[in-house]
Amino acid sequence: MLSLAPAPVADGLSPQLHLSRLSGSVFLLSWTIDAPMLARPAIALAARGKRLASASLALGLDDGRTRVIVAFRHASQGELVATLSGDGPGGDITARFDPDLVHGMADAEDLARDATPEARRMLANALVGHWP
């Protein structure tokens, strides 16, 4: 289950979220942002009020949008809260989801769809180089 929490959203800002598994308790959150961000977008993850360790990457898309990819481990039960910040026109946006309900595996083709060639190289490098 993935749901946006009640938060003010600026016109033209329609975040596209996708949560999938990399393996067992390791997840990948993909958040595509339509509106321009003034600063590098960042996603903070929290469970039960405690911040989770994660690794993230901001990918440029061919049409000027940005896709933020976040890898994280979540072995306990319960809802996660993801907060997107980056000085966008609508302020911070919060999404809540339950990883226990996510069974689909991450698809590299979906993650790289519409990404610039440089962004595809960055994603491949993160997945096989830095993140394992």
N, C-alpha and C. Protein backbone atom coordinates (compact mmCIF):
# COMPACT_ATOMS: atom_id res chain seq x y z
N MET A 1 0.84 -1.17 0.00
CA MET A 1 0.00 0.00 0.00
C MET A 1 0.89 1.23 0.00
N LEU A 2 0.62 2.13 -0.90
CA LEU A 2 1.39 3.37 -1.02
C LEU A 2 0.39 4.50 -1.08
N SER A 3 0.50 5.45 -0.19
CA SER A 3 -0.46 6.55 -0.20
C SER A 3 0.24 7.85 0.13
N LEU A 4 -0.23 8.91 -0.47
CA LEU A 4 0.29 10.23 -0.16
C LEU A 4 -0.42 10.76 1.07
N ALA A 5 0.34 11.27 1.98
CA ALA A 5 -0.26 11.86 3.19
C ALA A 5 -0.82 13.22 2.83
N PRO A 6 -1.78 13.68 3.60
CA PRO A 6 -2.32 15.01 3.32
C PRO A 6 -1.22 16.06 3.44
N ALA A 7 -0.93 16.72 2.38
CA ALA A 7 0.09 17.76 2.37
C ALA A 7 -0.21 18.68 1.21
N PRO A 8 0.09 19.96 1.34
CA PRO A 8 -0.15 20.87 0.22
C PRO A 8 0.76 20.51 -0.93
N VAL A 9 0.18 20.43 -2.13
CA VAL A 9 0.95 20.11 -3.32
C VAL A 9 0.74 21.23 -4.32
N ALA A 10 1.84 21.76 -4.82
CA ALA A 10 1.75 22.87 -5.77
C ALA A 10 1.18 22.40 -7.09
N ASP A 11 0.55 23.32 -7.82
CA ASP A 11 0.04 22.98 -9.14
C ASP A 11 1.18 22.48 -10.01
N GLY A 12 0.92 21.43 -10.77
CA GLY A 12 1.93 20.88 -11.65
C GLY A 12 2.85 19.89 -10.97
N LEU A 13 2.72 19.69 -9.67
CA LEU A 13 3.58 18.75 -8.97
C LEU A 13 2.79 17.48 -8.72
N SER A 14 3.05 16.46 -9.50
CA SER A 14 2.35 15.19 -9.32
C SER A 14 3.39 14.08 -9.18
N PRO A 15 3.81 13.83 -7.96
CA PRO A 15 4.85 12.83 -7.76
C PRO A 15 4.39 11.44 -8.16
N GLN A 16 5.27 10.71 -8.79
CA GLN A 16 4.98 9.34 -9.20
C GLN A 16 5.87 8.44 -8.37
N LEU A 17 5.25 7.66 -7.50
CA LEU A 17 5.98 6.80 -6.57
C LEU A 17 5.87 5.35 -6.98
N HIS A 18 6.97 4.64 -6.76
CA HIS A 18 6.95 3.21 -6.99
C HIS A 18 7.89 2.56 -5.98
N LEU A 19 7.38 1.59 -5.24
CA LEU A 19 8.18 0.88 -4.26
C LEU A 19 8.28 -0.58 -4.69
N SER A 20 9.50 -1.10 -4.70
CA SER A 20 9.71 -2.50 -5.07
C SER A 20 10.83 -3.08 -4.21
N ARG A 21 11.01 -4.37 -4.32
CA ARG A 21 12.06 -5.06 -3.56
C ARG A 21 13.28 -5.29 -4.44
N LEU A 22 14.45 -5.18 -3.80
CA LEU A 22 15.68 -5.62 -4.45
C LEU A 22 15.96 -7.05 -4.02
N SER A 23 15.71 -7.34 -2.75
CA SER A 23 15.82 -8.70 -2.21
C SER A 23 15.31 -8.67 -0.78
N GLY A 24 14.80 -9.77 -0.29
CA GLY A 24 14.36 -9.91 1.09
C GLY A 24 13.88 -8.64 1.75
N SER A 25 14.72 -8.04 2.60
CA SER A 25 14.33 -6.84 3.34
C SER A 25 14.93 -5.56 2.75
N VAL A 26 15.45 -5.63 1.52
CA VAL A 26 16.03 -4.46 0.87
C VAL A 26 15.04 -3.96 -0.20
N PHE A 27 14.71 -2.67 -0.10
CA PHE A 27 13.71 -2.07 -0.97
C PHE A 27 14.31 -0.96 -1.81
N LEU A 28 13.58 -0.63 -2.87
CA LEU A 28 13.97 0.48 -3.74
C LEU A 28 12.74 1.35 -3.94
N LEU A 29 12.86 2.62 -3.58
CA LEU A 29 11.79 3.58 -3.77
C LEU A 29 12.18 4.50 -4.92
N SER A 30 11.31 4.62 -5.90
CA SER A 30 11.52 5.50 -7.04
C SER A 30 10.47 6.59 -6.98
N TRP A 31 10.92 7.85 -6.98
CA TRP A 31 10.01 8.99 -6.86
C TRP A 31 10.32 9.94 -8.00
N THR A 32 9.43 10.02 -8.99
CA THR A 32 9.62 10.91 -10.14
C THR A 32 8.93 12.23 -9.85
N ILE A 33 9.67 13.31 -10.02
CA ILE A 33 9.19 14.65 -9.67
C ILE A 33 9.01 15.46 -10.94
N ASP A 34 7.79 15.97 -11.12
CA ASP A 34 7.47 16.74 -12.33
C ASP A 34 7.90 18.19 -12.24
N ALA A 35 7.84 18.78 -11.06
CA ALA A 35 8.14 20.20 -10.90
C ALA A 35 9.64 20.42 -10.70
N PRO A 36 10.15 21.56 -11.13
CA PRO A 36 11.57 21.83 -10.91
C PRO A 36 11.87 22.01 -9.43
N MET A 37 13.03 21.55 -9.02
CA MET A 37 13.47 21.68 -7.63
C MET A 37 14.63 22.67 -7.61
N LEU A 38 14.65 23.54 -6.62
CA LEU A 38 15.72 24.53 -6.52
C LEU A 38 17.02 23.91 -6.00
N ALA A 39 16.89 22.91 -5.16
CA ALA A 39 18.06 22.21 -4.61
C ALA A 39 17.96 20.74 -5.01
N ARG A 40 19.06 20.02 -4.81
CA ARG A 40 19.05 18.59 -5.12
C ARG A 40 17.98 17.93 -4.26
N PRO A 41 17.02 17.21 -4.88
CA PRO A 41 15.97 16.59 -4.09
C PRO A 41 16.54 15.48 -3.21
N ALA A 42 15.96 15.34 -2.03
CA ALA A 42 16.39 14.32 -1.09
C ALA A 42 15.16 13.67 -0.48
N ILE A 43 15.28 12.38 -0.15
CA ILE A 43 14.20 11.66 0.49
C ILE A 43 14.72 11.13 1.82
N ALA A 44 14.02 11.49 2.88
CA ALA A 44 14.33 10.98 4.21
C ALA A 44 13.30 9.91 4.55
N LEU A 45 13.77 8.77 5.06
CA LEU A 45 12.89 7.67 5.42
C LEU A 45 12.87 7.50 6.93
N ALA A 46 11.69 7.20 7.47
CA ALA A 46 11.57 6.98 8.91
C ALA A 46 10.56 5.87 9.17
N ALA A 47 10.82 5.11 10.23
CA ALA A 47 9.91 4.07 10.70
C ALA A 47 9.84 4.18 12.21
N ARG A 48 8.63 4.22 12.71
CA ARG A 48 8.41 4.34 14.16
C ARG A 48 9.16 5.54 14.75
N GLY A 49 9.20 6.61 13.99
CA GLY A 49 9.81 7.85 14.47
C GLY A 49 11.33 7.89 14.37
N LYS A 50 11.96 6.82 13.89
CA LYS A 50 13.42 6.80 13.76
C LYS A 50 13.81 6.82 12.29
N ARG A 51 14.82 7.61 12.00
CA ARG A 51 15.29 7.72 10.62
C ARG A 51 16.00 6.43 10.19
N LEU A 52 15.75 6.01 8.95
CA LEU A 52 16.37 4.81 8.40
C LEU A 52 17.58 5.19 7.56
N ALA A 53 18.58 4.34 7.61
CA ALA A 53 19.74 4.53 6.73
C ALA A 53 19.33 4.20 5.31
N SER A 54 19.82 4.97 4.37
CA SER A 54 19.47 4.75 2.97
C SER A 54 20.56 5.32 2.08
N ALA A 55 20.52 4.92 0.82
CA ALA A 55 21.41 5.47 -0.20
C ALA A 55 20.52 5.98 -1.33
N SER A 56 20.81 7.17 -1.83
CA SER A 56 19.94 7.74 -2.86
C SER A 56 20.74 8.29 -4.02
N LEU A 57 20.01 8.49 -5.10
CA LEU A 57 20.59 8.96 -6.35
C LEU A 57 19.52 9.76 -7.08
N ALA A 58 19.86 10.95 -7.55
CA ALA A 58 18.93 11.76 -8.34
C ALA A 58 19.30 11.62 -9.81
N LEU A 59 18.34 11.16 -10.60
CA LEU A 59 18.57 10.93 -12.03
C LEU A 59 17.84 11.97 -12.86
N GLY A 60 18.53 12.56 -13.81
CA GLY A 60 17.90 13.47 -14.75
C GLY A 60 17.17 12.69 -15.82
N LEU A 61 15.98 13.14 -16.19
CA LEU A 61 15.21 12.49 -17.25
C LEU A 61 15.25 13.32 -18.51
N ASP A 62 15.01 12.68 -19.65
CA ASP A 62 15.09 13.34 -20.95
C ASP A 62 14.18 14.56 -21.05
N ASP A 63 13.05 14.54 -20.34
CA ASP A 63 12.08 15.63 -20.45
C ASP A 63 12.27 16.72 -19.39
N GLY A 64 13.38 16.67 -18.63
CA GLY A 64 13.67 17.70 -17.64
C GLY A 64 13.21 17.36 -16.23
N ARG A 65 12.42 16.30 -16.08
CA ARG A 65 12.00 15.91 -14.73
C ARG A 65 13.18 15.24 -14.02
N THR A 66 12.97 14.92 -12.74
CA THR A 66 13.98 14.26 -11.93
C THR A 66 13.37 13.02 -11.30
N ARG A 67 14.13 11.93 -11.28
CA ARG A 67 13.71 10.71 -10.59
C ARG A 67 14.72 10.44 -9.48
N VAL A 68 14.22 10.38 -8.25
CA VAL A 68 15.07 10.07 -7.11
C VAL A 68 14.88 8.58 -6.78
N ILE A 69 16.00 7.87 -6.71
CA ILE A 69 15.99 6.44 -6.39
C ILE A 69 16.62 6.28 -5.01
N VAL A 70 15.94 5.57 -4.13
CA VAL A 70 16.44 5.36 -2.77
C VAL A 70 16.44 3.87 -2.46
N ALA A 71 17.59 3.35 -2.05
CA ALA A 71 17.71 1.96 -1.61
C ALA A 71 17.79 1.96 -0.08
N PHE A 72 17.06 1.05 0.54
CA PHE A 72 17.08 0.99 2.00
C PHE A 72 16.70 -0.41 2.47
N ARG A 73 17.06 -0.71 3.71
CA ARG A 73 16.72 -1.97 4.33
C ARG A 73 15.66 -1.70 5.40
N HIS A 74 14.64 -2.56 5.40
CA HIS A 74 13.58 -2.44 6.41
C HIS A 74 13.18 -3.86 6.81
N ALA A 75 13.70 -4.33 7.93
CA ALA A 75 13.45 -5.69 8.37
C ALA A 75 12.31 -5.80 9.36
N SER A 76 11.93 -4.70 9.98
CA SER A 76 10.84 -4.76 10.96
C SER A 76 9.50 -4.51 10.28
N GLN A 77 8.44 -4.69 11.03
CA GLN A 77 7.11 -4.47 10.50
C GLN A 77 6.67 -3.04 10.77
N GLY A 78 5.72 -2.61 10.01
CA GLY A 78 5.15 -1.29 10.25
C GLY A 78 5.32 -0.34 9.09
N GLU A 79 4.59 0.74 9.20
CA GLU A 79 4.54 1.75 8.16
C GLU A 79 5.85 2.55 8.08
N LEU A 80 6.20 2.90 6.86
CA LEU A 80 7.34 3.79 6.61
C LEU A 80 6.82 5.13 6.13
N VAL A 81 7.57 6.17 6.45
CA VAL A 81 7.23 7.51 6.01
C VAL A 81 8.41 8.02 5.19
N ALA A 82 8.13 8.45 3.96
CA ALA A 82 9.15 9.03 3.09
C ALA A 82 8.82 10.51 2.91
N THR A 83 9.80 11.37 3.15
CA THR A 83 9.60 12.81 2.99
C THR A 83 10.53 13.33 1.91
N LEU A 84 9.95 13.87 0.87
CA LEU A 84 10.71 14.45 -0.24
C LEU A 84 10.91 15.93 0.04
N SER A 85 12.16 16.36 0.00
CA SER A 85 12.45 17.78 0.15
C SER A 85 13.47 18.20 -0.89
N GLY A 86 13.51 19.45 -1.19
CA GLY A 86 14.43 19.96 -2.19
C GLY A 86 14.08 21.37 -2.59
N ASP A 87 13.38 22.08 -1.73
CA ASP A 87 12.99 23.45 -1.98
C ASP A 87 12.13 23.59 -3.23
N GLY A 88 11.24 22.61 -3.44
CA GLY A 88 10.31 22.68 -4.56
C GLY A 88 9.22 23.69 -4.27
N PRO A 89 8.44 24.04 -5.28
CA PRO A 89 7.41 25.07 -5.11
C PRO A 89 6.30 24.66 -4.13
N GLY A 90 6.11 23.37 -3.89
CA GLY A 90 5.05 22.94 -2.98
C GLY A 90 5.55 22.60 -1.60
N GLY A 91 6.82 22.78 -1.32
CA GLY A 91 7.37 22.41 -0.03
C GLY A 91 7.60 20.91 0.05
N ASP A 92 7.79 20.41 1.26
CA ASP A 92 8.01 18.98 1.46
C ASP A 92 6.74 18.20 1.17
N ILE A 93 6.92 16.98 0.64
CA ILE A 93 5.81 16.08 0.37
C ILE A 93 6.09 14.79 1.12
N THR A 94 5.06 14.25 1.75
CA THR A 94 5.21 13.04 2.54
C THR A 94 4.37 11.91 1.96
N ALA A 95 4.95 10.72 1.90
CA ALA A 95 4.23 9.52 1.47
C ALA A 95 4.38 8.48 2.56
N ARG A 96 3.32 7.72 2.79
CA ARG A 96 3.34 6.64 3.78
C ARG A 96 3.05 5.33 3.07
N PHE A 97 3.76 4.27 3.46
CA PHE A 97 3.52 2.97 2.84
C PHE A 97 3.94 1.85 3.77
N ASP A 98 3.42 0.68 3.49
CA ASP A 98 3.71 -0.51 4.28
C ASP A 98 4.51 -1.49 3.42
N PRO A 99 5.81 -1.63 3.66
CA PRO A 99 6.65 -2.51 2.85
C PRO A 99 6.23 -3.98 2.89
N ASP A 100 5.50 -4.39 3.94
CA ASP A 100 5.05 -5.78 4.01
C ASP A 100 4.11 -6.13 2.87
N LEU A 101 3.49 -5.13 2.27
CA LEU A 101 2.55 -5.37 1.18
C LEU A 101 3.21 -5.31 -0.19
N VAL A 102 4.52 -5.08 -0.23
CA VAL A 102 5.24 -4.97 -1.51
C VAL A 102 5.89 -6.31 -1.84
N HIS A 103 5.50 -6.87 -2.97
CA HIS A 103 6.05 -8.17 -3.36
C HIS A 103 6.78 -8.11 -4.71
N GLY A 104 6.54 -7.06 -5.48
CA GLY A 104 7.16 -6.93 -6.79
C GLY A 104 8.65 -6.61 -6.70
N MET A 105 9.43 -7.22 -7.58
CA MET A 105 10.87 -6.98 -7.62
C MET A 105 11.18 -5.76 -8.49
N ALA A 106 12.26 -5.07 -8.17
CA ALA A 106 12.68 -3.89 -8.93
C ALA A 106 12.99 -4.29 -10.37
N ASP A 107 12.63 -3.44 -11.29
CA ASP A 107 12.84 -3.67 -12.71
C ASP A 107 13.76 -2.57 -13.25
N ALA A 108 14.96 -2.95 -13.66
CA ALA A 108 15.95 -1.97 -14.13
C ALA A 108 15.42 -1.16 -15.31
N GLU A 109 14.65 -1.79 -16.19
CA GLU A 109 14.12 -1.08 -17.35
C GLU A 109 13.17 0.03 -16.91
N ASP A 110 12.33 -0.24 -15.91
CA ASP A 110 11.42 0.79 -15.40
C ASP A 110 12.19 1.94 -14.75
N LEU A 111 13.23 1.60 -13.99
CA LEU A 111 14.02 2.64 -13.30
C LEU A 111 14.73 3.55 -14.29
N ALA A 112 15.23 2.98 -15.37
CA ALA A 112 16.02 3.74 -16.34
C ALA A 112 15.16 4.38 -17.44
N ARG A 113 13.88 4.05 -17.47
CA ARG A 113 12.99 4.60 -18.50
C ARG A 113 13.05 6.12 -18.48
N ASP A 114 13.24 6.71 -19.63
CA ASP A 114 13.29 8.16 -19.83
C ASP A 114 14.52 8.83 -19.23
N ALA A 115 15.45 8.08 -18.66
CA ALA A 115 16.65 8.67 -18.06
C ALA A 115 17.64 9.07 -19.15
N THR A 116 18.39 10.11 -18.86
CA THR A 116 19.44 10.53 -19.78
C THR A 116 20.53 9.47 -19.79
N PRO A 117 21.38 9.44 -20.83
CA PRO A 117 22.47 8.46 -20.85
C PRO A 117 23.38 8.55 -19.62
N GLU A 118 23.69 9.77 -19.17
CA GLU A 118 24.52 9.94 -17.98
C GLU A 118 23.82 9.38 -16.74
N ALA A 119 22.52 9.62 -16.64
CA ALA A 119 21.75 9.11 -15.50
C ALA A 119 21.72 7.59 -15.50
N ARG A 120 21.64 6.98 -16.66
CA ARG A 120 21.67 5.50 -16.75
C ARG A 120 23.00 4.95 -16.27
N ARG A 121 24.08 5.61 -16.63
CA ARG A 121 25.41 5.18 -16.15
C ARG A 121 25.51 5.32 -14.64
N MET A 122 24.99 6.42 -14.11
CA MET A 122 25.01 6.63 -12.66
C MET A 122 24.22 5.54 -11.93
N LEU A 123 23.06 5.19 -12.46
CA LEU A 123 22.23 4.16 -11.85
C LEU A 123 22.93 2.80 -11.88
N ALA A 124 23.48 2.45 -13.03
CA ALA A 124 24.19 1.17 -13.14
C ALA A 124 25.38 1.12 -12.19
N ASN A 125 26.12 2.20 -12.10
CA ASN A 125 27.27 2.26 -11.19
C ASN A 125 26.83 2.10 -9.73
N ALA A 126 25.73 2.73 -9.37
CA ALA A 126 25.22 2.61 -7.99
C ALA A 126 24.77 1.20 -7.69
N LEU A 127 24.03 0.58 -8.61
CA LEU A 127 23.48 -0.74 -8.37
C LEU A 127 24.54 -1.84 -8.29
N VAL A 128 25.59 -1.72 -9.11
CA VAL A 128 26.60 -2.79 -9.11
C VAL A 128 27.90 -2.38 -8.41
N GLY A 129 28.07 -1.08 -8.16
CA GLY A 129 29.31 -0.63 -7.56
C GLY A 129 29.20 -0.21 -6.12
N HIS A 130 28.47 0.86 -5.86
CA HIS A 130 28.43 1.47 -4.53
C HIS A 130 27.43 0.82 -3.58
N TRP A 131 26.22 0.51 -4.04
CA TRP A 131 25.17 0.09 -3.13
C TRP A 131 25.27 -1.34 -2.59
N PRO A 132 25.81 -2.29 -3.33
CA PRO A 132 25.84 -3.65 -2.75
C PRO A 132 26.62 -3.69 -1.47
